[in-house]
Amino acid sequence: MAQTVTEVLTAATDSVTLINGINTDGSSSSFWLSGVTQAEINEMVQRNVDHLEVILAYTDPDVAGDSSSKSSYTSAITTGKAYIAAN
């Protein structure tokens, strides 16, 4: 069964939560794994940024053309890129 736009975006919310959690809480974030380096955290954030960019470009279902608000996803992409640049 094909996913709907809402289902795809709901699943992508995990990436938003991870990016925002690491950005806000740093090493206190529940997403920060013990013993990992800053470079590894940056890679994890980048993977989630990449995931969101792919999701927002989906055309089947048509996430890209859907009129629902995607501001939390685009904001997380911006936040993730800024976090990586700063760290």
C-alpha atoms as a PDB file:
ATOM      1  CA  MET A   1       0.000   0.000   0.000  1.00  0.00           C
ATOM      2  CA  ALA A   2       1.378   3.385  -0.981  1.00  0.00           C
ATOM      3  CA  GLN A   3       2.068   5.965   1.691  1.00  0.00           C
ATOM      4  CA  THR A   4       0.264   9.267   1.820  1.00  0.00           C
ATOM      5  CA  VAL A   5       2.017  12.630   2.039  1.00  0.00           C
ATOM      6  CA  THR A   6       0.956  12.865   5.681  1.00  0.00           C
ATOM      7  CA  GLU A   7       2.449   9.463   6.496  1.00  0.00           C
ATOM      8  CA  VAL A   8       5.741  10.343   4.778  1.00  0.00           C
ATOM      9  CA  LEU A   9       6.010  13.667   6.602  1.00  0.00           C
ATOM     10  CA  THR A  10       5.085  12.089   9.931  1.00  0.00           C
ATOM     11  CA  ALA A  11       7.915   9.585   9.507  1.00  0.00           C
ATOM     12  CA  ALA A  12      10.314  12.413   8.589  1.00  0.00           C
ATOM     13  CA  THR A  13       9.516  14.127  11.885  1.00  0.00           C
ATOM     14  CA  ASP A  14      12.039  11.808  13.567  1.00  0.00           C
ATOM     15  CA  SER A  15      14.804  13.568  11.623  1.00  0.00           C
ATOM     16  CA  VAL A  16      13.475  16.960  12.667  1.00  0.00           C
ATOM     17  CA  THR A  17      13.430  15.852  16.309  1.00  0.00           C
ATOM     18  CA  LEU A  18      16.988  14.512  16.134  1.00  0.00           C
ATOM     19  CA  ILE A  19      18.421  17.623  14.464  1.00  0.00           C
ATOM     20  CA  ASN A  20      16.666  20.003  16.833  1.00  0.00           C
ATOM     21  CA  GLY A  21      17.539  17.893  19.878  1.00  0.00           C
ATOM     22  CA  ILE A  22      21.237  17.817  19.105  1.00  0.00           C
ATOM     23  CA  ASN A  23      21.257  21.498  18.217  1.00  0.00           C
ATOM     24  CA  THR A  24      19.456  22.520  21.396  1.00  0.00           C
ATOM     25  CA  ASP A  25      20.915  20.089  23.935  1.00  0.00           C
ATOM     26  CA  GLY A  26      24.311  19.199  22.438  1.00  0.00           C
ATOM     27  CA  SER A  27      26.005  16.365  24.295  1.00  0.00           C
ATOM     28  CA  SER A  28      23.090  16.294  26.768  1.00  0.00           C
ATOM     29  CA  SER A  29      20.735  15.288  23.970  1.00  0.00           C
ATOM     30  CA  SER A  30      19.284  11.800  24.130  1.00  0.00           C
ATOM     31  CA  PHE A  31      20.461  11.459  20.517  1.00  0.00           C
ATOM     32  CA  TRP A  32      24.115  12.002  21.469  1.00  0.00           C
ATOM     33  CA  LEU A  33      25.658   8.566  21.750  1.00  0.00           C
ATOM     34  CA  SER A  34      28.286   7.895  24.377  1.00  0.00           C
ATOM     35  CA  GLY A  35      31.813   7.715  23.035  1.00  0.00           C
ATOM     36  CA  VAL A  36      31.155   9.277  19.646  1.00  0.00           C
ATOM     37  CA  THR A  37      33.192  12.120  18.238  1.00  0.00           C
ATOM     38  CA  GLN A  38      31.918  15.492  17.110  1.00  0.00           C
ATOM     39  CA  ALA A  39      32.690  14.434  13.533  1.00  0.00           C
ATOM     40  CA  GLU A  40      30.432  11.383  13.963  1.00  0.00           C
ATOM     41  CA  ILE A  41      27.650  13.549  15.375  1.00  0.00           C
ATOM     42  CA  ASN A  42      28.035  15.899  12.410  1.00  0.00           C
ATOM     43  CA  GLU A  43      27.757  12.917  10.059  1.00  0.00           C
ATOM     44  CA  MET A  44      24.570  11.800  11.810  1.00  0.00           C
ATOM     45  CA  VAL A  45      23.088  15.287  11.558  1.00  0.00           C
ATOM     46  CA  GLN A  46      24.098  15.434   7.872  1.00  0.00           C
ATOM     47  CA  ARG A  47      22.391  12.094   7.150  1.00  0.00           C
ATOM     48  CA  ASN A  48      19.197  13.442   8.679  1.00  0.00           C
ATOM     49  CA  VAL A  49      19.470  16.717   6.737  1.00  0.00           C
ATOM     50  CA  ASP A  50      19.971  14.678   3.555  1.00  0.00           C
ATOM     51  CA  HIS A  51      16.977  12.502   4.450  1.00  0.00           C
ATOM     52  CA  LEU A  52      14.737  15.534   4.880  1.00  0.00           C
ATOM     53  CA  GLU A  53      15.891  17.037   1.591  1.00  0.00           C
ATOM     54  CA  VAL A  54      15.077  13.781  -0.208  1.00  0.00           C
ATOM     55  CA  ILE A  55      11.686  13.510   1.483  1.00  0.00           C
ATOM     56  CA  LEU A  56      10.733  17.076   0.558  1.00  0.00           C
ATOM     57  CA  ALA A  57      11.575  16.342  -3.086  1.00  0.00           C
ATOM     58  CA  TYR A  58       9.374  13.211  -3.261  1.00  0.00           C
ATOM     59  CA  THR A  59       6.896  13.156  -6.111  1.00  0.00           C
ATOM     60  CA  ASP A  60       5.303   9.780  -5.264  1.00  0.00           C
ATOM     61  CA  PRO A  61       3.551  10.602  -3.066  1.00  0.00           C
ATOM     62  CA  ASP A  62       3.748  14.217  -4.142  1.00  0.00           C
ATOM     63  CA  VAL A  63       5.331  15.728  -1.043  1.00  0.00           C
ATOM     64  CA  ALA A  64       7.036  18.400  -3.175  1.00  0.00           C
ATOM     65  CA  GLY A  65       3.768  19.601  -4.666  1.00  0.00           C
ATOM     66  CA  ASP A  66       1.618  19.214  -1.574  1.00  0.00           C
ATOM     67  CA  SER A  67       0.360  22.474  -0.080  1.00  0.00           C
ATOM     68  CA  SER A  68       0.715  21.449   3.568  1.00  0.00           C
ATOM     69  CA  SER A  69       3.175  23.361   5.708  1.00  0.00           C
ATOM     70  CA  LYS A  70       6.671  21.984   5.599  1.00  0.00           C
ATOM     71  CA  SER A  71       8.258  24.757   7.644  1.00  0.00           C
ATOM     72  CA  SER A  72       9.362  22.460  10.496  1.00  0.00           C
ATOM     73  CA  TYR A  73      11.241  20.314   7.978  1.00  0.00           C
ATOM     74  CA  THR A  74      12.871  23.207   6.124  1.00  0.00           C
ATOM     75  CA  SER A  75      13.769  24.845   9.440  1.00  0.00           C
ATOM     76  CA  ALA A  76      15.400  21.614  10.634  1.00  0.00           C
ATOM     77  CA  ILE A  77      17.435  21.462   7.413  1.00  0.00           C
ATOM     78  CA  THR A  78      18.645  25.015   8.002  1.00  0.00           C
ATOM     79  CA  THR A  79      19.350  24.268  11.670  1.00  0.00           C
ATOM     80  CA  GLY A  80      21.250  21.098  10.819  1.00  0.00           C
ATOM     81  CA  LYS A  81      23.432  22.805   8.236  1.00  0.00           C
ATOM     82  CA  ALA A  82      24.199  25.644  10.653  1.00  0.00           C
ATOM     83  CA  TYR A  83      25.021  23.160  13.421  1.00  0.00           C
ATOM     84  CA  ILE A  84      27.456  21.294  11.208  1.00  0.00           C
ATOM     85  CA  ALA A  85      29.096  24.528  10.051  1.00  0.00           C
ATOM     86  CA  ALA A  86      29.556  25.635  13.674  1.00  0.00           C
ATOM     87  CA  ASN A  87      30.882  22.281  14.890  1.00  0.00           C
END
